[in-house]
Amino acid sequence: VDEEARSRGTSVYLVDRTVPMLPEKLCNKVC
């Protein structure tokens, strides 16, 4: 998860959706 987050660098916020840096279970729920 750390390696993938590092490669993405940041979440990307588009007009109608978000491409998250972390898995959805972490960014929207656990954390």
ModelCIF file with pLDDT and N, C-alpha, C, O atoms, coordinates in Angstrom:
data_MODEL
#
_entry.id   MODEL 
#
_entity.id                         1 
_entity.type                       polymer 
_entity.pdbx_number_of_molecules   1 
#
_entity_poly.entity_id                      1 
_entity_poly.type                           'polypeptide(L)' 
_entity_poly.nstd_linkage                   no 
_entity_poly.nstd_monomer                   no 
_entity_poly.pdbx_seq_one_letter_code       VDEEARSRGTSVYLVDRTVPMLPEKLCNKVC 
_entity_poly.pdbx_seq_one_letter_code_can   VDEEARSRGTSVYLVDRTVPMLPEKLCNKVC 
_entity_poly.pdbx_strand_id                 A 
#
loop_
_entity_poly_seq.entity_id 
_entity_poly_seq.num 
_entity_poly_seq.mon_id 
_entity_poly_seq.hetero 
1 1  VAL n 
1 2  ASP n 
1 3  GLU n 
1 4  GLU n 
1 5  ALA n 
1 6  ARG n 
1 7  SER n 
1 8  ARG n 
1 9  GLY n 
1 10 THR n 
1 11 SER n 
1 12 VAL n 
1 13 TYR n 
1 14 LEU n 
1 15 VAL n 
1 16 ASP n 
1 17 ARG n 
1 18 THR n 
1 19 VAL n 
1 20 PRO n 
1 21 MET n 
1 22 LEU n 
1 23 PRO n 
1 24 GLU n 
1 25 LYS n 
1 26 LEU n 
1 27 CYS n 
1 28 ASN n 
1 29 LYS n 
1 30 VAL n 
1 31 CYS n 
#
_struct_asym.id          A 
_struct_asym.entity_id   1 
#
loop_
_ma_qa_metric.id 
_ma_qa_metric.mode 
_ma_qa_metric.name 
_ma_qa_metric.software_group_id 
_ma_qa_metric.type 
1 global pLDDT . pLDDT 
2 local  pLDDT . pLDDT 
#
_ma_qa_metric_global.metric_id      1 
_ma_qa_metric_global.metric_value   94.52 
_ma_qa_metric_global.model_id       1 
_ma_qa_metric_global.ordinal_id     1 
#
loop_
_ma_qa_metric_local.label_asym_id 
_ma_qa_metric_local.label_comp_id 
_ma_qa_metric_local.label_seq_id 
_ma_qa_metric_local.metric_id 
_ma_qa_metric_local.metric_value 
_ma_qa_metric_local.model_id 
_ma_qa_metric_local.ordinal_id 
A VAL 1  2 97.00 1 1  
A ASP 2  2 98.00 1 2  
A GLU 3  2 98.00 1 3  
A GLU 4  2 97.00 1 4  
A ALA 5  2 97.00 1 5  
A ARG 6  2 97.00 1 6  
A SER 7  2 97.00 1 7  
A ARG 8  2 97.00 1 8  
A GLY 9  2 97.00 1 9  
A THR 10 2 97.00 1 10 
A SER 11 2 96.00 1 11 
A VAL 12 2 95.00 1 12 
A TYR 13 2 89.00 1 13 
A LEU 14 2 88.00 1 14 
A VAL 15 2 86.00 1 15 
A ASP 16 2 84.00 1 16 
A ARG 17 2 86.00 1 17 
A THR 18 2 89.00 1 18 
A VAL 19 2 94.00 1 19 
A PRO 20 2 95.00 1 20 
A MET 21 2 97.00 1 21 
A LEU 22 2 97.00 1 22 
A PRO 23 2 97.00 1 23 
A GLU 24 2 95.00 1 24 
A LYS 25 2 96.00 1 25 
A LEU 26 2 96.00 1 26 
A CYS 27 2 95.00 1 27 
A ASN 28 2 94.00 1 28 
A LYS 29 2 95.00 1 29 
A VAL 30 2 97.00 1 30 
A CYS 31 2 97.00 1 31 
#
loop_
_atom_site.group_PDB 
_atom_site.id 
_atom_site.type_symbol 
_atom_site.label_atom_id 
_atom_site.label_alt_id 
_atom_site.label_comp_id 
_atom_site.label_asym_id 
_atom_site.label_entity_id 
_atom_site.label_seq_id 
_atom_site.pdbx_PDB_ins_code 
_atom_site.Cartn_x 
_atom_site.Cartn_y 
_atom_site.Cartn_z 
_atom_site.occupancy 
_atom_site.B_iso_or_equiv 
_atom_site.pdbx_formal_charge 
_atom_site.auth_seq_id 
_atom_site.auth_comp_id 
_atom_site.auth_asym_id 
_atom_site.auth_atom_id 
_atom_site.pdbx_PDB_model_num 
ATOM 1   N N  . VAL A 1 1  ? 0.836   -1.197 0.000   1.00 97.00 ? 1  VAL A N  1 
ATOM 2   C CA . VAL A 1 1  ? 0.000   0.000  0.000   1.00 97.00 ? 1  VAL A CA 1 
ATOM 3   C C  . VAL A 1 1  ? 0.878   1.257  0.000   1.00 97.00 ? 1  VAL A C  1 
ATOM 4   O O  . VAL A 1 1  ? 0.566   2.235  -0.679  1.00 97.00 ? 1  VAL A O  1 
ATOM 5   N N  . ASP A 1 2  ? 1.970   1.226  0.759   1.00 98.00 ? 2  ASP A N  1 
ATOM 6   C CA . ASP A 1 2  ? 2.888   2.360  0.815   1.00 98.00 ? 2  ASP A CA 1 
ATOM 7   C C  . ASP A 1 2  ? 3.524   2.608  -0.550  1.00 98.00 ? 2  ASP A C  1 
ATOM 8   O O  . ASP A 1 2  ? 3.622   3.753  -0.991  1.00 98.00 ? 2  ASP A O  1 
ATOM 9   N N  . GLU A 1 3  ? 3.952   1.546  -1.215  1.00 98.00 ? 3  GLU A N  1 
ATOM 10  C CA . GLU A 1 3  ? 4.594   1.688  -2.526  1.00 98.00 ? 3  GLU A CA 1 
ATOM 11  C C  . GLU A 1 3  ? 3.623   2.256  -3.557  1.00 98.00 ? 3  GLU A C  1 
ATOM 12  O O  . GLU A 1 3  ? 4.002   3.091  -4.378  1.00 98.00 ? 3  GLU A O  1 
ATOM 13  N N  . GLU A 1 4  ? 2.376   1.805  -3.513  1.00 97.00 ? 4  GLU A N  1 
ATOM 14  C CA . GLU A 1 4  ? 1.380   2.320  -4.458  1.00 97.00 ? 4  GLU A CA 1 
ATOM 15  C C  . GLU A 1 4  ? 1.051   3.780  -4.154  1.00 97.00 ? 4  GLU A C  1 
ATOM 16  O O  . GLU A 1 4  ? 0.914   4.591  -5.070  1.00 97.00 ? 4  GLU A O  1 
ATOM 17  N N  . ALA A 1 5  ? 0.922   4.117  -2.860  1.00 97.00 ? 5  ALA A N  1 
ATOM 18  C CA . ALA A 1 5  ? 0.651   5.507  -2.477  1.00 97.00 ? 5  ALA A CA 1 
ATOM 19  C C  . ALA A 1 5  ? 1.790   6.419  -2.915  1.00 97.00 ? 5  ALA A C  1 
ATOM 20  O O  . ALA A 1 5  ? 1.556   7.534  -3.380  1.00 97.00 ? 5  ALA A O  1 
ATOM 21  N N  . ARG A 1 6  ? 3.014   5.944  -2.767  1.00 97.00 ? 6  ARG A N  1 
ATOM 22  C CA . ARG A 1 6  ? 4.176   6.744  -3.172  1.00 97.00 ? 6  ARG A CA 1 
ATOM 23  C C  . ARG A 1 6  ? 4.183   6.968  -4.681  1.00 97.00 ? 6  ARG A C  1 
ATOM 24  O O  . ARG A 1 6  ? 4.511   8.063  -5.139  1.00 97.00 ? 6  ARG A O  1 
ATOM 25  N N  . SER A 1 7  ? 3.827   5.953  -5.456  1.00 97.00 ? 7  SER A N  1 
ATOM 26  C CA . SER A 1 7  ? 3.813   6.097  -6.911  1.00 97.00 ? 7  SER A CA 1 
ATOM 27  C C  . SER A 1 7  ? 2.714   7.062  -7.364  1.00 97.00 ? 7  SER A C  1 
ATOM 28  O O  . SER A 1 7  ? 2.878   7.775  -8.354  1.00 97.00 ? 7  SER A O  1 
ATOM 29  N N  . ARG A 1 8  ? 1.591   7.081  -6.633  1.00 97.00 ? 8  ARG A N  1 
ATOM 30  C CA . ARG A 1 8  ? 0.517   8.015  -6.984  1.00 97.00 ? 8  ARG A CA 1 
ATOM 31  C C  . ARG A 1 8  ? 0.820   9.425  -6.477  1.00 97.00 ? 8  ARG A C  1 
ATOM 32  O O  . ARG A 1 8  ? 0.547   10.410 -7.163  1.00 97.00 ? 8  ARG A O  1 
ATOM 33  N N  . GLY A 1 9  ? 1.381   9.514  -5.280  1.00 97.00 ? 9  GLY A N  1 
ATOM 34  C CA . GLY A 1 9  ? 1.813   10.804 -4.760  1.00 97.00 ? 9  GLY A CA 1 
ATOM 35  C C  . GLY A 1 9  ? 0.721   11.632 -4.117  1.00 97.00 ? 9  GLY A C  1 
ATOM 36  O O  . GLY A 1 9  ? 0.958   12.303 -3.112  1.00 97.00 ? 9  GLY A O  1 
ATOM 37  N N  . THR A 1 10 ? -0.472  11.593 -4.685  1.00 97.00 ? 10 THR A N  1 
ATOM 38  C CA . THR A 1 10 ? -1.570  12.402 -4.175  1.00 97.00 ? 10 THR A CA 1 
ATOM 39  C C  . THR A 1 10 ? -2.887  11.853 -4.696  1.00 97.00 ? 10 THR A C  1 
ATOM 40  O O  . THR A 1 10 ? -2.912  11.155 -5.710  1.00 97.00 ? 10 THR A O  1 
ATOM 41  N N  . SER A 1 11 ? -3.971  12.159 -4.017  1.00 96.00 ? 11 SER A N  1 
ATOM 42  C CA . SER A 1 11 ? -5.295  11.904 -4.572  1.00 96.00 ? 11 SER A CA 1 
ATOM 43  C C  . SER A 1 11 ? -5.568  12.953 -5.643  1.00 96.00 ? 11 SER A C  1 
ATOM 44  O O  . SER A 1 11 ? -5.097  14.086 -5.549  1.00 96.00 ? 11 SER A O  1 
ATOM 45  N N  . VAL A 1 12 ? -6.330  12.567 -6.657  1.00 95.00 ? 12 VAL A N  1 
ATOM 46  C CA . VAL A 1 12 ? -6.664  13.481 -7.746  1.00 95.00 ? 12 VAL A CA 1 
ATOM 47  C C  . VAL A 1 12 ? -8.178  13.701 -7.729  1.00 95.00 ? 12 VAL A C  1 
ATOM 48  O O  . VAL A 1 12 ? -8.960  12.754 -7.810  1.00 95.00 ? 12 VAL A O  1 
ATOM 49  N N  . TYR A 1 13 ? -8.571  14.977 -7.622  1.00 89.00 ? 13 TYR A N  1 
ATOM 50  C CA . TYR A 1 13 ? -9.988  15.317 -7.532  1.00 89.00 ? 13 TYR A CA 1 
ATOM 51  C C  . TYR A 1 13 ? -10.473 15.846 -8.879  1.00 89.00 ? 13 TYR A C  1 
ATOM 52  O O  . TYR A 1 13 ? -10.103 16.940 -9.307  1.00 89.00 ? 13 TYR A O  1 
ATOM 53  N N  . LEU A 1 14 ? -11.312 15.038 -9.537  1.00 88.00 ? 14 LEU A N  1 
ATOM 54  C CA . LEU A 1 14 ? -11.896 15.420 -10.818 1.00 88.00 ? 14 LEU A CA 1 
ATOM 55  C C  . LEU A 1 14 ? -13.294 15.994 -10.576 1.00 88.00 ? 14 LEU A C  1 
ATOM 56  O O  . LEU A 1 14 ? -13.762 16.050 -9.438  1.00 88.00 ? 14 LEU A O  1 
ATOM 57  N N  . VAL A 1 15 ? -13.954 16.418 -11.652 1.00 86.00 ? 15 VAL A N  1 
ATOM 58  C CA . VAL A 1 15 ? -15.255 17.067 -11.517 1.00 86.00 ? 15 VAL A CA 1 
ATOM 59  C C  . VAL A 1 15 ? -16.274 16.145 -10.853 1.00 86.00 ? 15 VAL A C  1 
ATOM 60  O O  . VAL A 1 15 ? -17.027 16.570 -9.977  1.00 86.00 ? 15 VAL A O  1 
ATOM 61  N N  . ASP A 1 16 ? -16.293 14.890 -11.272 1.00 84.00 ? 16 ASP A N  1 
ATOM 62  C CA . ASP A 1 16 ? -17.360 13.989 -10.810 1.00 84.00 ? 16 ASP A CA 1 
ATOM 63  C C  . ASP A 1 16 ? -16.849 12.786 -10.025 1.00 84.00 ? 16 ASP A C  1 
ATOM 64  O O  . ASP A 1 16 ? -17.623 11.885 -9.702  1.00 84.00 ? 16 ASP A O  1 
ATOM 65  N N  . ARG A 1 17 ? -15.555 12.763 -9.718  1.00 86.00 ? 17 ARG A N  1 
ATOM 66  C CA . ARG A 1 17 ? -15.024 11.593 -9.017  1.00 86.00 ? 17 ARG A CA 1 
ATOM 67  C C  . ARG A 1 17 ? -13.660 11.933 -8.406  1.00 86.00 ? 17 ARG A C  1 
ATOM 68  O O  . ARG A 1 17 ? -13.060 12.966 -8.704  1.00 86.00 ? 17 ARG A O  1 
ATOM 69  N N  . THR A 1 18 ? -13.203 11.038 -7.551  1.00 89.00 ? 18 THR A N  1 
ATOM 70  C CA . THR A 1 18 ? -11.878 11.150 -6.952  1.00 89.00 ? 18 THR A CA 1 
ATOM 71  C C  . THR A 1 18 ? -11.075 9.901  -7.274  1.00 89.00 ? 18 THR A C  1 
ATOM 72  O O  . THR A 1 18 ? -11.569 8.782  -7.136  1.00 89.00 ? 18 THR A O  1 
ATOM 73  N N  . VAL A 1 19 ? -9.834  10.097 -7.704  1.00 94.00 ? 19 VAL A N  1 
ATOM 74  C CA . VAL A 1 19 ? -8.895  8.980  -7.860  1.00 94.00 ? 19 VAL A CA 1 
ATOM 75  C C  . VAL A 1 19 ? -8.017  9.003  -6.617  1.00 94.00 ? 19 VAL A C  1 
ATOM 76  O O  . VAL A 1 19 ? -7.091  9.812  -6.547  1.00 94.00 ? 19 VAL A O  1 
ATOM 77  N N  . PRO A 1 20 ? -8.276  8.140  -5.629  1.00 95.00 ? 20 PRO A N  1 
ATOM 78  C CA . PRO A 1 20 ? -7.609  8.272  -4.333  1.00 95.00 ? 20 PRO A CA 1 
ATOM 79  C C  . PRO A 1 20 ? -6.176  7.763  -4.333  1.00 95.00 ? 20 PRO A C  1 
ATOM 80  O O  . PRO A 1 20 ? -5.801  6.911  -5.138  1.00 95.00 ? 20 PRO A O  1 
ATOM 81  N N  . MET A 1 21 ? -5.388  8.301  -3.416  1.00 97.00 ? 21 MET A N  1 
ATOM 82  C CA . MET A 1 21 ? -4.018  7.831  -3.241  1.00 97.00 ? 21 MET A CA 1 
ATOM 83  C C  . MET A 1 21 ? -3.998  6.494  -2.497  1.00 97.00 ? 21 MET A C  1 
ATOM 84  O O  . MET A 1 21 ? -3.139  5.647  -2.741  1.00 97.00 ? 21 MET A O  1 
ATOM 85  N N  . LEU A 1 22 ? -4.954  6.321  -1.590  1.00 97.00 ? 22 LEU A N  1 
ATOM 86  C CA . LEU A 1 22 ? -5.033  5.127  -0.756  1.00 97.00 ? 22 LEU A CA 1 
ATOM 87  C C  . LEU A 1 22 ? -6.285  4.332  -1.095  1.00 97.00 ? 22 LEU A C  1 
ATOM 88  O O  . LEU A 1 22 ? -7.216  4.876  -1.689  1.00 97.00 ? 22 LEU A O  1 
ATOM 89  N N  . PRO A 1 23 ? -6.325  3.054  -0.727  1.00 97.00 ? 23 PRO A N  1 
ATOM 90  C CA . PRO A 1 23 ? -7.547  2.270  -0.940  1.00 97.00 ? 23 PRO A CA 1 
ATOM 91  C C  . PRO A 1 23 ? -8.743  2.931  -0.254  1.00 97.00 ? 23 PRO A C  1 
ATOM 92  O O  . PRO A 1 23 ? -8.606  3.537  0.808   1.00 97.00 ? 23 PRO A O  1 
ATOM 93  N N  . GLU A 1 24 ? -9.915  2.805  -0.876  1.00 95.00 ? 24 GLU A N  1 
ATOM 94  C CA . GLU A 1 24 ? -11.115 3.473  -0.362  1.00 95.00 ? 24 GLU A CA 1 
ATOM 95  C C  . GLU A 1 24 ? -11.435 3.075  1.075   1.00 95.00 ? 24 GLU A C  1 
ATOM 96  O O  . GLU A 1 24 ? -11.908 3.907  1.849   1.00 95.00 ? 24 GLU A O  1 
ATOM 97  N N  . LYS A 1 25 ? -11.188 1.829  1.442   1.00 96.00 ? 25 LYS A N  1 
ATOM 98  C CA . LYS A 1 25 ? -11.484 1.393  2.813   1.00 96.00 ? 25 LYS A CA 1 
ATOM 99  C C  . LYS A 1 25 ? -10.658 2.160  3.835   1.00 96.00 ? 25 LYS A C  1 
ATOM 100 O O  . LYS A 1 25 ? -11.097 2.371  4.966   1.00 96.00 ? 25 LYS A O  1 
ATOM 101 N N  . LEU A 1 26 ? -9.452  2.579  3.431   1.00 96.00 ? 26 LEU A N  1 
ATOM 102 C CA . LEU A 1 26 ? -8.621  3.383  4.328   1.00 96.00 ? 26 LEU A CA 1 
ATOM 103 C C  . LEU A 1 26 ? -9.032  4.853  4.296   1.00 96.00 ? 26 LEU A C  1 
ATOM 104 O O  . LEU A 1 26 ? -9.298  5.441  5.345   1.00 96.00 ? 26 LEU A O  1 
ATOM 105 N N  . CYS A 1 27 ? -9.089  5.457  3.096   1.00 95.00 ? 27 CYS A N  1 
ATOM 106 C CA . CYS A 1 27 ? -9.266  6.907  3.011   1.00 95.00 ? 27 CYS A CA 1 
ATOM 107 C C  . CYS A 1 27 ? -10.678 7.348  3.378   1.00 95.00 ? 27 CYS A C  1 
ATOM 108 O O  . CYS A 1 27 ? -10.846 8.419  3.961   1.00 95.00 ? 27 CYS A O  1 
ATOM 109 N N  . ASN A 1 28 ? -11.696 6.558  3.054   1.00 94.00 ? 28 ASN A N  1 
ATOM 110 C CA . ASN A 1 28 ? -13.069 6.982  3.339   1.00 94.00 ? 28 ASN A CA 1 
ATOM 111 C C  . ASN A 1 28 ? -13.654 6.370  4.605   1.00 94.00 ? 28 ASN A C  1 
ATOM 112 O O  . ASN A 1 28 ? -14.673 6.841  5.109   1.00 94.00 ? 28 ASN A O  1 
ATOM 113 N N  . LYS A 1 29 ? -13.012 5.321  5.123   1.00 95.00 ? 29 LYS A N  1 
ATOM 114 C CA . LYS A 1 29 ? -13.610 4.629  6.260   1.00 95.00 ? 29 LYS A CA 1 
ATOM 115 C C  . LYS A 1 29 ? -12.663 4.548  7.460   1.00 95.00 ? 29 LYS A C  1 
ATOM 116 O O  . LYS A 1 29 ? -12.868 5.238  8.459   1.00 95.00 ? 29 LYS A O  1 
ATOM 117 N N  . VAL A 1 30 ? -11.634 3.711  7.367   1.00 97.00 ? 30 VAL A N  1 
ATOM 118 C CA . VAL A 1 30 ? -10.791 3.445  8.542   1.00 97.00 ? 30 VAL A CA 1 
ATOM 119 C C  . VAL A 1 30 ? -10.089 4.699  9.042   1.00 97.00 ? 30 VAL A C  1 
ATOM 120 O O  . VAL A 1 30 ? -10.086 4.963  10.244  1.00 97.00 ? 30 VAL A O  1 
ATOM 121 N N  . CYS A 1 31 ? -9.493  5.481  8.140   1.00 97.00 ? 31 CYS A N  1 
ATOM 122 C CA . CYS A 1 31 ? -8.723  6.658  8.545   1.00 97.00 ? 31 CYS A CA 1 
ATOM 123 C C  . CYS A 1 31 ? -9.574  7.924  8.638   1.00 97.00 ? 31 CYS A C  1 
ATOM 124 O O  . CYS A 1 31 ? -9.058  8.992  8.969   1.00 97.00 ? 31 CYS A O  1 
#
